[in-house]
Amino acid sequence: TAGMLRLWTLKEAYTKALGQGLRLDFSSFGFATGSSGDT
């Protein structure tokens, strides 16, 4: 659950930076899945 929440916020932040938001497929890019740490 903690890993999913961290992934969600990272993917939201990345797609907002691109100006795409939820329009970009979240399953098309990824991050490390730990609940903390660098990625």
PDB file of all heavy atoms in Angstrom:
ATOM      1  N   THR A   1       0.832  -1.212   0.000  1.00  0.00           N
ATOM      2  CA  THR A   1       0.000   0.000   0.000  1.00  0.00           C
ATOM      3  C   THR A   1       0.864   1.259   0.000  1.00  0.00           C
ATOM      4  O   THR A   1       0.597   2.199  -0.753  1.00  0.00           O
ATOM      5  CB  THR A   1      -0.930  -0.003   1.229  1.00  0.00           C
ATOM      6  OG1 THR A   1      -1.776  -1.147   1.172  1.00  0.00           O
ATOM      7  CG2 THR A   1      -1.784   1.255   1.249  1.00  0.00           C
ATOM      8  N   ALA A   2       1.909   1.279   0.838  1.00  0.00           N
ATOM      9  CA  ALA A   2       2.805   2.439   0.893  1.00  0.00           C
ATOM     10  C   ALA A   2       3.529   2.620  -0.439  1.00  0.00           C
ATOM     11  O   ALA A   2       3.705   3.744  -0.922  1.00  0.00           O
ATOM     12  CB  ALA A   2       3.809   2.273   2.025  1.00  0.00           C
ATOM     13  N   GLY A   3       3.948   1.514  -1.043  1.00  0.00           N
ATOM     14  CA  GLY A   3       4.627   1.596  -2.341  1.00  0.00           C
ATOM     15  C   GLY A   3       3.718   2.115  -3.431  1.00  0.00           C
ATOM     16  O   GLY A   3       4.137   2.902  -4.292  1.00  0.00           O
ATOM     17  N   MET A   4       2.453   1.690  -3.430  1.00  0.00           N
ATOM     18  CA  MET A   4       1.491   2.174  -4.427  1.00  0.00           C
ATOM     19  C   MET A   4       1.263   3.672  -4.291  1.00  0.00           C
ATOM     20  O   MET A   4       1.201   4.404  -5.284  1.00  0.00           O
ATOM     21  CB  MET A   4       0.161   1.437  -4.270  1.00  0.00           C
ATOM     22  CG  MET A   4       0.112   0.087  -4.952  1.00  0.00           C
ATOM     23  SD  MET A   4       0.111   0.210  -6.776  1.00  0.00           S
ATOM     24  CE  MET A   4      -1.547   0.832  -7.075  1.00  0.00           C
ATOM     25  N   LEU A   5       1.138   4.144  -3.032  1.00  0.00           N
ATOM     26  CA  LEU A   5       0.894   5.566  -2.820  1.00  0.00           C
ATOM     27  C   LEU A   5       2.089   6.392  -3.285  1.00  0.00           C
ATOM     28  O   LEU A   5       1.912   7.439  -3.935  1.00  0.00           O
ATOM     29  CB  LEU A   5       0.613   5.844  -1.344  1.00  0.00           C
ATOM     30  CG  LEU A   5       0.205   7.277  -1.000  1.00  0.00           C
ATOM     31  CD1 LEU A   5      -1.110   7.633  -1.664  1.00  0.00           C
ATOM     32  CD2 LEU A   5       0.096   7.458   0.509  1.00  0.00           C
ATOM     33  N   ARG A   6       3.287   5.944  -2.980  1.00  0.00           N
ATOM     34  CA  ARG A   6       4.479   6.658  -3.422  1.00  0.00           C
ATOM     35  C   ARG A   6       4.568   6.680  -4.947  1.00  0.00           C
ATOM     36  O   ARG A   6       4.863   7.713  -5.554  1.00  0.00           O
ATOM     37  CB  ARG A   6       5.725   6.004  -2.818  1.00  0.00           C
ATOM     38  CG  ARG A   6       7.037   6.658  -3.260  1.00  0.00           C
ATOM     39  CD  ARG A   6       8.184   6.111  -2.434  1.00  0.00           C
ATOM     40  NE  ARG A   6       9.468   6.603  -2.921  1.00  0.00           N
ATOM     41  CZ  ARG A   6      10.204   5.976  -3.822  1.00  0.00           C
ATOM     42  NH1 ARG A   6       9.769   4.832  -4.348  1.00  0.00           N
ATOM     43  NH2 ARG A   6      11.365   6.474  -4.207  1.00  0.00           N
ATOM     44  N   LEU A   7       4.302   5.538  -5.593  1.00  0.00           N
ATOM     45  CA  LEU A   7       4.315   5.491  -7.056  1.00  0.00           C
ATOM     46  C   LEU A   7       3.300   6.468  -7.644  1.00  0.00           C
ATOM     47  O   LEU A   7       3.582   7.167  -8.624  1.00  0.00           O
ATOM     48  CB  LEU A   7       3.996   4.071  -7.543  1.00  0.00           C
ATOM     49  CG  LEU A   7       5.109   3.037  -7.523  1.00  0.00           C
ATOM     50  CD1 LEU A   7       4.578   1.706  -8.053  1.00  0.00           C
ATOM     51  CD2 LEU A   7       6.296   3.502  -8.358  1.00  0.00           C
ATOM     52  N   TRP A   8       2.111   6.500  -7.057  1.00  0.00           N
ATOM     53  CA  TRP A   8       1.050   7.373  -7.574  1.00  0.00           C
ATOM     54  C   TRP A   8       1.482   8.835  -7.531  1.00  0.00           C
ATOM     55  O   TRP A   8       1.322   9.563  -8.510  1.00  0.00           O
ATOM     56  CB  TRP A   8      -0.224   7.173  -6.770  1.00  0.00           C
ATOM     57  CG  TRP A   8      -1.357   8.040  -7.247  1.00  0.00           C
ATOM     58  CD1 TRP A   8      -1.667   9.293  -6.813  1.00  0.00           C
ATOM     59  CD2 TRP A   8      -2.291   7.728  -8.283  1.00  0.00           C
ATOM     60  NE1 TRP A   8      -2.747   9.795  -7.494  1.00  0.00           N
ATOM     61  CE2 TRP A   8      -3.156   8.849  -8.408  1.00  0.00           C
ATOM     62  CE3 TRP A   8      -2.490   6.629  -9.095  1.00  0.00           C
ATOM     63  CZ2 TRP A   8      -4.202   8.876  -9.325  1.00  0.00           C
ATOM     64  CZ3 TRP A   8      -3.534   6.650 -10.015  1.00  0.00           C
ATOM     65  CH2 TRP A   8      -4.376   7.772 -10.125  1.00  0.00           C
ATOM     66  N   THR A   9       2.044   9.266  -6.397  1.00  0.00           N
ATOM     67  CA  THR A   9       2.441  10.675  -6.292  1.00  0.00           C
ATOM     68  C   THR A   9       3.609  11.000  -7.220  1.00  0.00           C
ATOM     69  O   THR A   9       3.657  12.075  -7.807  1.00  0.00           O
ATOM     70  CB  THR A   9       2.799  11.044  -4.843  1.00  0.00           C
ATOM     71  OG1 THR A   9       3.875  10.219  -4.380  1.00  0.00           O
ATOM     72  CG2 THR A   9       1.606  10.881  -3.919  1.00  0.00           C
ATOM     73  N   LEU A  10       4.543  10.071  -7.376  1.00  0.00           N
ATOM     74  CA  LEU A  10       5.661  10.297  -8.296  1.00  0.00           C
ATOM     75  C   LEU A  10       5.169  10.404  -9.733  1.00  0.00           C
ATOM     76  O   LEU A  10       5.615  11.266 -10.510  1.00  0.00           O
ATOM     77  CB  LEU A  10       6.688   9.175  -8.178  1.00  0.00           C
ATOM     78  CG  LEU A  10       7.607   9.216  -6.956  1.00  0.00           C
ATOM     79  CD1 LEU A  10       8.340   7.888  -6.790  1.00  0.00           C
ATOM     80  CD2 LEU A  10       8.613  10.366  -7.084  1.00  0.00           C
ATOM     81  N   LYS A  11       4.246   9.530 -10.114  1.00  0.00           N
ATOM     82  CA  LYS A  11       3.743   9.545 -11.495  1.00  0.00           C
ATOM     83  C   LYS A  11       2.900  10.788 -11.753  1.00  0.00           C
ATOM     84  O   LYS A  11       2.954  11.367 -12.839  1.00  0.00           O
ATOM     85  CB  LYS A  11       2.969   8.255 -11.786  1.00  0.00           C
ATOM     86  CG  LYS A  11       3.887   7.036 -11.758  1.00  0.00           C
ATOM     87  CD  LYS A  11       3.228   5.774 -12.293  1.00  0.00           C
ATOM     88  CE  LYS A  11       4.248   4.618 -12.291  1.00  0.00           C
ATOM     89  NZ  LYS A  11       3.825   3.483 -13.121  1.00  0.00           N
ATOM     90  N   GLU A  12       2.120  11.194 -10.748  1.00  0.00           N
ATOM     91  CA  GLU A  12       1.370  12.451 -10.885  1.00  0.00           C
ATOM     92  C   GLU A  12       2.326  13.630 -11.046  1.00  0.00           C
ATOM     93  O   GLU A  12       2.116  14.505 -11.895  1.00  0.00           O
ATOM     94  CB  GLU A  12       0.487  12.664  -9.643  1.00  0.00           C
ATOM     95  CG  GLU A  12      -0.792  11.858  -9.645  1.00  0.00           C
ATOM     96  CD  GLU A  12      -1.956  12.648 -10.208  1.00  0.00           C
ATOM     97  OE1 GLU A  12      -1.724  13.555 -11.027  1.00  0.00           O
ATOM     98  OE2 GLU A  12      -3.093  12.353  -9.831  1.00  0.00           O
ATOM     99  N   ALA A  13       3.377  13.678 -10.220  1.00  0.00           N
ATOM    100  CA  ALA A  13       4.330  14.785 -10.299  1.00  0.00           C
ATOM    101  C   ALA A  13       5.013  14.819 -11.669  1.00  0.00           C
ATOM    102  O   ALA A  13       5.165  15.885 -12.281  1.00  0.00           O
ATOM    103  CB  ALA A  13       5.373  14.659  -9.187  1.00  0.00           C
ATOM    104  N   TYR A  14       5.432  13.664 -12.169  1.00  0.00           N
ATOM    105  CA  TYR A  14       6.122  13.585 -13.461  1.00  0.00           C
ATOM    106  C   TYR A  14       5.205  14.018 -14.605  1.00  0.00           C
ATOM    107  O   TYR A  14       5.592  14.822 -15.466  1.00  0.00           O
ATOM    108  CB  TYR A  14       6.614  12.165 -13.680  1.00  0.00           C
ATOM    109  CG  TYR A  14       7.256  11.925 -15.025  1.00  0.00           C
ATOM    110  CD1 TYR A  14       8.375  12.644 -15.438  1.00  0.00           C
ATOM    111  CD2 TYR A  14       6.752  10.954 -15.894  1.00  0.00           C
ATOM    112  CE1 TYR A  14       8.972  12.417 -16.675  1.00  0.00           C
ATOM    113  CE2 TYR A  14       7.341  10.709 -17.119  1.00  0.00           C
ATOM    114  CZ  TYR A  14       8.442  11.451 -17.506  1.00  0.00           C
ATOM    115  OH  TYR A  14       9.026  11.214 -18.733  1.00  0.00           O
ATOM    116  N   THR A  15       3.968  13.525 -14.625  1.00  0.00           N
ATOM    117  CA  THR A  15       3.065  13.880 -15.720  1.00  0.00           C
ATOM    118  C   THR A  15       2.618  15.338 -15.629  1.00  0.00           C
ATOM    119  O   THR A  15       2.370  15.980 -16.656  1.00  0.00           O
ATOM    120  CB  THR A  15       1.841  12.947 -15.759  1.00  0.00           C
ATOM    121  OG1 THR A  15       1.168  12.971 -14.493  1.00  0.00           O
ATOM    122  CG2 THR A  15       2.267  11.523 -16.062  1.00  0.00           C
ATOM    123  N   LYS A  16       2.540  15.886 -14.412  1.00  0.00           N
ATOM    124  CA  LYS A  16       2.252  17.317 -14.282  1.00  0.00           C
ATOM    125  C   LYS A  16       3.410  18.141 -14.832  1.00  0.00           C
ATOM    126  O   LYS A  16       3.199  19.172 -15.480  1.00  0.00           O
ATOM    127  CB  LYS A  16       1.995  17.684 -12.822  1.00  0.00           C
ATOM    128  CG  LYS A  16       0.634  17.240 -12.300  1.00  0.00           C
ATOM    129  CD  LYS A  16       0.473  17.628 -10.841  1.00  0.00           C
ATOM    130  CE  LYS A  16      -0.876  17.197 -10.298  1.00  0.00           C
ATOM    131  NZ  LYS A  16      -1.046  17.575  -8.878  1.00  0.00           N
ATOM    132  N   ALA A  17       4.637  17.698 -14.555  1.00  0.00           N
ATOM    133  CA  ALA A  17       5.798  18.415 -15.097  1.00  0.00           C
ATOM    134  C   ALA A  17       5.768  18.417 -16.618  1.00  0.00           C
ATOM    135  O   ALA A  17       6.139  19.407 -17.260  1.00  0.00           O
ATOM    136  CB  ALA A  17       7.089  17.777 -14.592  1.00  0.00           C
ATOM    137  N   LEU A  18       5.303  17.319 -17.216  1.00  0.00           N
ATOM    138  CA  LEU A  18       5.203  17.231 -18.675  1.00  0.00           C
ATOM    139  C   LEU A  18       3.999  17.998 -19.224  1.00  0.00           C
ATOM    140  O   LEU A  18       3.889  18.183 -20.431  1.00  0.00           O
ATOM    141  CB  LEU A  18       5.094  15.767 -19.104  1.00  0.00           C
ATOM    142  CG  LEU A  18       6.311  14.879 -18.835  1.00  0.00           C
ATOM    143  CD1 LEU A  18       5.990  13.439 -19.233  1.00  0.00           C
ATOM    144  CD2 LEU A  18       7.534  15.385 -19.590  1.00  0.00           C
ATOM    145  N   GLY A  19       3.093  18.405 -18.330  1.00  0.00           N
ATOM    146  CA  GLY A  19       1.883  19.081 -18.778  1.00  0.00           C
ATOM    147  C   GLY A  19       0.810  18.135 -19.260  1.00  0.00           C
ATOM    148  O   GLY A  19      -0.121  18.538 -19.957  1.00  0.00           O
ATOM    149  N   GLN A  20       0.897  16.850 -18.880  1.00  0.00           N
ATOM    150  CA  GLN A  20      -0.043  15.841 -19.361  1.00  0.00           C
ATOM    151  C   GLN A  20      -1.057  15.401 -18.310  1.00  0.00           C
ATOM    152  O   GLN A  20      -2.171  15.034 -18.632  1.00  0.00           O
ATOM    153  CB  GLN A  20       0.734  14.612 -19.853  1.00  0.00           C
ATOM    154  CG  GLN A  20       1.599  14.873 -21.063  1.00  0.00           C
ATOM    155  CD  GLN A  20       0.782  15.268 -22.272  1.00  0.00           C
ATOM    156  OE1 GLN A  20      -0.210  14.625 -22.617  1.00  0.00           O
ATOM    157  NE2 GLN A  20       1.179  16.361 -22.908  1.00  0.00           N
ATOM    158  N   GLY A  21      -0.647  15.383 -17.051  1.00  0.00           N
ATOM    159  CA  GLY A  21      -1.556  14.932 -15.998  1.00  0.00           C
ATOM    160  C   GLY A  21      -1.990  13.495 -16.235  1.00  0.00           C
ATOM    161  O   GLY A  21      -1.212  12.651 -16.693  1.00  0.00           O
ATOM    162  N   LEU A  22      -3.259  13.199 -15.965  1.00  0.00           N
ATOM    163  CA  LEU A  22      -3.771  11.832 -16.089  1.00  0.00           C
ATOM    164  C   LEU A  22      -3.949  11.395 -17.528  1.00  0.00           C
ATOM    165  O   LEU A  22      -4.330  10.246 -17.788  1.00  0.00           O
ATOM    166  CB  LEU A  22      -5.102  11.718 -15.332  1.00  0.00           C
ATOM    167  CG  LEU A  22      -5.013  11.898 -13.812  1.00  0.00           C
ATOM    168  CD1 LEU A  22      -6.409  11.908 -13.196  1.00  0.00           C
ATOM    169  CD2 LEU A  22      -4.169  10.814 -13.179  1.00  0.00           C
ATOM    170  N   ARG A  23      -3.669  12.279 -18.485  1.00  0.00           N
ATOM    171  CA  ARG A  23      -3.788  11.891 -19.893  1.00  0.00           C
ATOM    172  C   ARG A  23      -2.683  10.925 -20.313  1.00  0.00           C
ATOM    173  O   ARG A  23      -2.821  10.217 -21.303  1.00  0.00           O
ATOM    174  CB  ARG A  23      -3.757  13.133 -20.791  1.00  0.00           C
ATOM    175  CG  ARG A  23      -4.945  14.059 -20.617  1.00  0.00           C
ATOM    176  CD  ARG A  23      -4.937  15.176 -21.652  1.00  0.00           C
ATOM    177  NE  ARG A  23      -3.801  16.060 -21.486  1.00  0.00           N
ATOM    178  CZ  ARG A  23      -3.778  17.096 -20.659  1.00  0.00           C
ATOM    179  NH1 ARG A  23      -4.826  17.350 -19.893  1.00  0.00           N
ATOM    180  NH2 ARG A  23      -2.720  17.882 -20.574  1.00  0.00           N
ATOM    181  N   LEU A  24      -1.581  10.886 -19.583  1.00  0.00           N
ATOM    182  CA  LEU A  24      -0.471   9.994 -19.903  1.00  0.00           C
ATOM    183  C   LEU A  24      -0.668   8.657 -19.188  1.00  0.00           C
ATOM    184  O   LEU A  24      -1.006   8.619 -18.010  1.00  0.00           O
ATOM    185  CB  LEU A  24       0.850  10.626 -19.465  1.00  0.00           C
ATOM    186  CG  LEU A  24       2.136   9.953 -19.950  1.00  0.00           C
ATOM    187  CD1 LEU A  24       2.221   9.987 -21.472  1.00  0.00           C
ATOM    188  CD2 LEU A  24       3.349  10.661 -19.347  1.00  0.00           C
ATOM    189  N   ASP A  25      -0.477   7.566 -19.928  1.00  0.00           N
ATOM    190  CA  ASP A  25      -0.651   6.221 -19.386  1.00  0.00           C
ATOM    191  C   ASP A  25       0.378   5.955 -18.286  1.00  0.00           C
ATOM    192  O   ASP A  25       1.579   5.893 -18.546  1.00  0.00           O
ATOM    193  CB  ASP A  25      -0.500   5.211 -20.523  1.00  0.00           C
ATOM    194  CG  ASP A  25      -0.705   3.778 -20.070  1.00  0.00           C
ATOM    195  OD1 ASP A  25      -1.026   3.565 -18.883  1.00  0.00           O
ATOM    196  OD2 ASP A  25      -0.540   2.870 -20.901  1.00  0.00           O
ATOM    197  N   PHE A  26      -0.095   5.779 -17.053  1.00  0.00           N
ATOM    198  CA  PHE A  26       0.810   5.583 -15.916  1.00  0.00           C
ATOM    199  C   PHE A  26       1.593   4.273 -16.013  1.00  0.00           C
ATOM    200  O   PHE A  26       2.640   4.135 -15.380  1.00  0.00           O
ATOM    201  CB  PHE A  26       0.031   5.608 -14.602  1.00  0.00           C
ATOM    202  CG  PHE A  26      -0.213   6.991 -14.065  1.00  0.00           C
ATOM    203  CD1 PHE A  26      -0.072   8.113 -14.880  1.00  0.00           C
ATOM    204  CD2 PHE A  26      -0.586   7.178 -12.745  1.00  0.00           C
ATOM    205  CE1 PHE A  26      -0.298   9.388 -14.375  1.00  0.00           C
ATOM    206  CE2 PHE A  26      -0.809   8.452 -12.232  1.00  0.00           C
ATOM    207  CZ  PHE A  26      -0.666   9.558 -13.057  1.00  0.00           C
ATOM    208  N   SER A  27       1.090   3.299 -16.762  1.00  0.00           N
ATOM    209  CA  SER A  27       1.788   2.023 -16.867  1.00  0.00           C
ATOM    210  C   SER A  27       2.879   2.037 -17.933  1.00  0.00           C
ATOM    211  O   SER A  27       3.555   1.031 -18.139  1.00  0.00           O
ATOM    212  CB  SER A  27       0.797   0.897 -17.179  1.00  0.00           C
ATOM    213  OG  SER A  27       0.198   1.081 -18.459  1.00  0.00           O
ATOM    214  N   SER A  28       3.086   3.176 -18.594  1.00  0.00           N
ATOM    215  CA  SER A  28       4.085   3.259 -19.662  1.00  0.00           C
ATOM    216  C   SER A  28       5.440   3.738 -19.170  1.00  0.00           C
ATOM    217  O   SER A  28       6.396   3.811 -19.935  1.00  0.00           O
ATOM    218  CB  SER A  28       3.590   4.191 -20.778  1.00  0.00           C
ATOM    219  OG  SER A  28       3.472   5.529 -20.306  1.00  0.00           O
ATOM    220  N   PHE A  29       5.558   4.069 -17.875  1.00  0.00           N
ATOM    221  CA  PHE A  29       6.830   4.486 -17.286  1.00  0.00           C
ATOM    222  C   PHE A  29       6.804   4.109 -15.813  1.00  0.00           C
ATOM    223  O   PHE A  29       5.735   3.934 -15.227  1.00  0.00           O
ATOM    224  CB  PHE A  29       7.054   5.994 -17.440  1.00  0.00           C
ATOM    225  CG  PHE A  29       6.007   6.834 -16.768  1.00  0.00           C
ATOM    226  CD1 PHE A  29       6.199   7.339 -15.488  1.00  0.00           C
ATOM    227  CD2 PHE A  29       4.802   7.118 -17.411  1.00  0.00           C
ATOM    228  CE1 PHE A  29       5.228   8.099 -14.863  1.00  0.00           C
ATOM    229  CE2 PHE A  29       3.823   7.888 -16.793  1.00  0.00           C
ATOM    230  CZ  PHE A  29       4.033   8.377 -15.513  1.00  0.00           C
ATOM    231  N   GLY A  30       7.985   3.976 -15.218  1.00  0.00           N
ATOM    232  CA  GLY A  30       7.995   3.479 -13.857  1.00  0.00           C
ATOM    233  C   GLY A  30       9.035   4.115 -12.969  1.00  0.00           C
ATOM    234  O   GLY A  30       9.854   4.938 -13.397  1.00  0.00           O
ATOM    235  N   PHE A  31       8.992   3.697 -11.688  1.00  0.00           N
ATOM    236  CA  PHE A  31       9.929   4.137 -10.659  1.00  0.00           C
ATOM    237  C   PHE A  31      10.255   2.956  -9.762  1.00  0.00           C
ATOM    238  O   PHE A  31       9.593   1.913  -9.806  1.00  0.00           O
ATOM    239  CB  PHE A  31       9.323   5.270  -9.819  1.00  0.00           C
ATOM    240  CG  PHE A  31       9.014   6.512 -10.589  1.00  0.00           C
ATOM    241  CD1 PHE A  31       7.733   6.771 -11.051  1.00  0.00           C
ATOM    242  CD2 PHE A  31      10.016   7.427 -10.872  1.00  0.00           C
ATOM    243  CE1 PHE A  31       7.452   7.919 -11.765  1.00  0.00           C
ATOM    244  CE2 PHE A  31       9.746   8.580 -11.591  1.00  0.00           C
ATOM    245  CZ  PHE A  31       8.463   8.829 -12.035  1.00  0.00           C
ATOM    246  N   ALA A  32      11.268   3.137  -8.908  1.00  0.00           N
ATOM    247  CA  ALA A  32      11.525   2.137  -7.876  1.00  0.00           C
ATOM    248  C   ALA A  32      10.309   2.054  -6.965  1.00  0.00           C
ATOM    249  O   ALA A  32       9.625   3.055  -6.727  1.00  0.00           O
ATOM    250  CB  ALA A  32      12.773   2.510  -7.088  1.00  0.00           C
ATOM    251  N   THR A  33      10.014   0.863  -6.449  1.00  0.00           N
ATOM    252  CA  THR A  33       8.731   0.649  -5.778  1.00  0.00           C
ATOM    253  C   THR A  33       8.795   0.687  -4.261  1.00  0.00           C
ATOM    254  O   THR A  33       7.807   0.382  -3.597  1.00  0.00           O
ATOM    255  CB  THR A  33       8.149  -0.715  -6.203  1.00  0.00           C
ATOM    256  OG1 THR A  33       9.152  -1.723  -6.010  1.00  0.00           O
ATOM    257  CG2 THR A  33       7.727  -0.682  -7.657  1.00  0.00           C
ATOM    258  N   GLY A  34       9.932   1.041  -3.670  1.00  0.00           N
ATOM    259  CA  GLY A  34       9.999   1.130  -2.216  1.00  0.00           C
ATOM    260  C   GLY A  34       9.128   2.245  -1.688  1.00  0.00           C
ATOM    261  O   GLY A  34       8.693   3.134  -2.433  1.00  0.00           O
ATOM    262  N   SER A  35       8.870   2.221  -0.393  1.00  0.00           N
ATOM    263  CA  SER A  35       8.032   3.260   0.219  1.00  0.00           C
ATOM    264  C   SER A  35       8.813   4.536   0.490  1.00  0.00           C
ATOM    265  O   SER A  35       8.250   5.552   0.864  1.00  0.00           O
ATOM    266  CB  SER A  35       7.422   2.755   1.531  1.00  0.00           C
ATOM    267  OG  SER A  35       8.451   2.401   2.436  1.00  0.00           O
ATOM    268  N   SER A  36      10.148   4.487   0.317  1.00  0.00           N
ATOM    269  CA  SER A  36      10.963   5.678   0.504  1.00  0.00           C
ATOM    270  C   SER A  36      12.243   5.504  -0.295  1.00  0.00           C
ATOM    271  O   SER A  36      12.494   4.467  -0.895  1.00  0.00           O
ATOM    272  CB  SER A  36      11.286   5.884   1.987  1.00  0.00           C
ATOM    273  OG  SER A  36      12.026   4.783   2.477  1.00  0.00           O
ATOM    274  N   GLY A  37      13.083   6.527  -0.285  1.00  0.00           N
ATOM    275  CA  GLY A  37      14.365   6.427  -0.974  1.00  0.00           C
ATOM    276  C   GLY A  37      14.358   7.129  -2.312  1.00  0.00           C
ATOM    277  O   GLY A  37      13.333   7.612  -2.794  1.00  0.00           O
ATOM    278  N   ASP A  38      15.531   7.171  -2.935  1.00  0.00           N
ATOM    279  CA  ASP A  38      15.685   7.855  -4.209  1.00  0.00           C
ATOM    280  C   ASP A  38      15.206   6.963  -5.345  1.00  0.00           C
ATOM    281  O   ASP A  38      15.179   5.738  -5.240  1.00  0.00           O
ATOM    282  CB  ASP A  38      17.158   8.213  -4.438  1.00  0.00           C
ATOM    283  CG  ASP A  38      17.757   8.956  -3.259  1.00  0.00           C
ATOM    284  OD1 ASP A  38      17.083   9.880  -2.763  1.00  0.00           O
ATOM    285  OD2 ASP A  38      18.869   8.597  -2.841  1.00  0.00           O
ATOM    286  N   THR A  39      14.850   7.567  -6.443  1.00  0.00           N
ATOM    287  CA  THR A  39      14.415   6.811  -7.594  1.00  0.00           C
ATOM    288  C   THR A  39      14.747   7.565  -8.865  1.00  0.00           C
ATOM    289  O   THR A  39      14.879   8.787  -8.861  1.00  0.00           O
ATOM    290  CB  THR A  39      12.901   6.516  -7.544  1.00  0.00           C
ATOM    291  OG1 THR A  39      12.546   5.662  -8.644  1.00  0.00           O
ATOM    292  CG2 THR A  39      12.086   7.800  -7.632  1.00  0.00           C
TER     293      THR A  39
END
